[in-house]
């Protein structure tokens, strides 16, 4: 599974899209002030996971070699 997120500069995730690993690259145009990034899915996120719960519970950490979704601290 590949996970793509639309996020702001601080890493707050606004939207998430998952596609099968063998799918071609997904092309999205984020709204002004947002970015579109493929990220490493968090441990336990599966094809059947609730993406709304993921968006509410995680943020993007782009300080790692590959952008990774990490649980929100708040």
Protein backbone atom coordinates (compact mmCIF):
# COMPACT_ATOMS: atom_id res chain seq x y z
CA UNK A 1 0.00 0.00 0.00
CA UNK A 2 1.18 3.53 -0.79
CA UNK A 3 -0.04 6.42 1.34
CA UNK A 4 -0.28 10.01 0.12
CA UNK A 5 -1.23 12.97 2.32
CA UNK A 6 -2.15 16.60 1.75
CA UNK A 7 -0.65 18.65 4.60
CA UNK A 8 0.34 22.14 5.65
CA UNK A 9 3.89 23.36 6.29
CA UNK A 10 3.69 22.29 9.96
CA UNK A 11 2.84 18.69 8.96
CA UNK A 12 -0.85 18.80 9.89
CA UNK A 13 -2.61 16.30 7.63
CA UNK A 14 -5.76 17.53 5.89
CA UNK A 15 -6.44 14.58 3.58
CA UNK A 16 -5.10 11.08 2.97
CA UNK A 17 -5.31 8.73 0.01
CA UNK A 18 -4.08 5.14 -0.14
CA UNK A 19 -3.49 3.19 -3.32
CA UNK A 20 -2.16 -0.32 -4.05
CA UNK A 21 1.63 -0.63 -4.16
CA UNK A 22 1.64 -1.54 -7.84
CA UNK A 23 -0.47 1.47 -8.93
CA UNK A 24 1.03 4.25 -11.01
CA UNK A 25 1.96 7.49 -9.26
CA UNK A 26 -1.05 9.44 -8.05
CA UNK A 27 -1.12 13.08 -9.13
CA UNK A 28 -3.02 15.57 -6.97
CA UNK A 29 -3.02 19.34 -6.94
CA UNK A 30 -3.25 20.54 -3.33
CA UNK A 31 -4.90 23.84 -2.44
CA UNK A 32 -2.74 26.94 -1.91
CA UNK A 33 -0.61 26.64 1.24
CA UNK A 34 -0.71 22.84 1.26
CA UNK A 35 1.68 20.17 0.04
CA UNK A 36 1.20 16.68 -1.38
CA UNK A 37 3.60 13.99 -0.12
CA UNK A 38 3.93 10.22 -0.25
CA UNK A 39 4.71 9.04 3.27
CA UNK A 40 5.58 5.93 5.19
CA UNK A 41 2.35 4.51 6.70
CA UNK A 42 2.36 4.14 10.48
CA UNK A 43 2.61 0.69 12.04
CA UNK A 44 -0.77 -1.04 11.90
CA UNK A 45 -2.33 1.04 9.10
CA UNK A 46 -3.86 -1.42 6.65
CA UNK A 47 -5.95 -1.33 3.47
CA UNK A 48 -9.05 -1.50 5.70
CA UNK A 49 -8.05 1.16 8.24
CA UNK A 50 -10.25 4.22 8.77
CA UNK A 51 -8.55 7.12 6.97
CA UNK A 52 -10.59 9.77 8.81
CA UNK A 53 -9.30 8.45 12.15
CA UNK A 54 -5.77 8.44 10.68
CA UNK A 55 -6.06 12.10 9.56
CA UNK A 56 -7.30 13.15 13.02
CA UNK A 57 -4.63 11.18 14.93
CA UNK A 58 -1.43 11.68 12.90
CA UNK A 59 0.80 14.41 11.50
CA UNK A 60 3.59 14.29 8.93
CA UNK A 61 7.19 14.23 10.16
CA UNK A 62 9.32 15.30 7.22
CA UNK A 63 12.55 15.53 9.23
CA UNK A 64 13.24 11.84 8.56
CA UNK A 65 14.85 10.50 5.37
CA UNK A 66 11.38 9.43 4.16
CA UNK A 67 8.36 11.43 5.32
CA UNK A 68 6.58 9.46 8.05
CA UNK A 69 3.19 9.76 9.70
CA UNK A 70 3.59 10.06 13.49
CA UNK A 71 0.94 10.14 16.20
CA UNK A 72 -0.11 13.65 17.21
CA UNK A 73 1.03 14.80 20.66
CA UNK A 74 -2.08 16.91 21.38
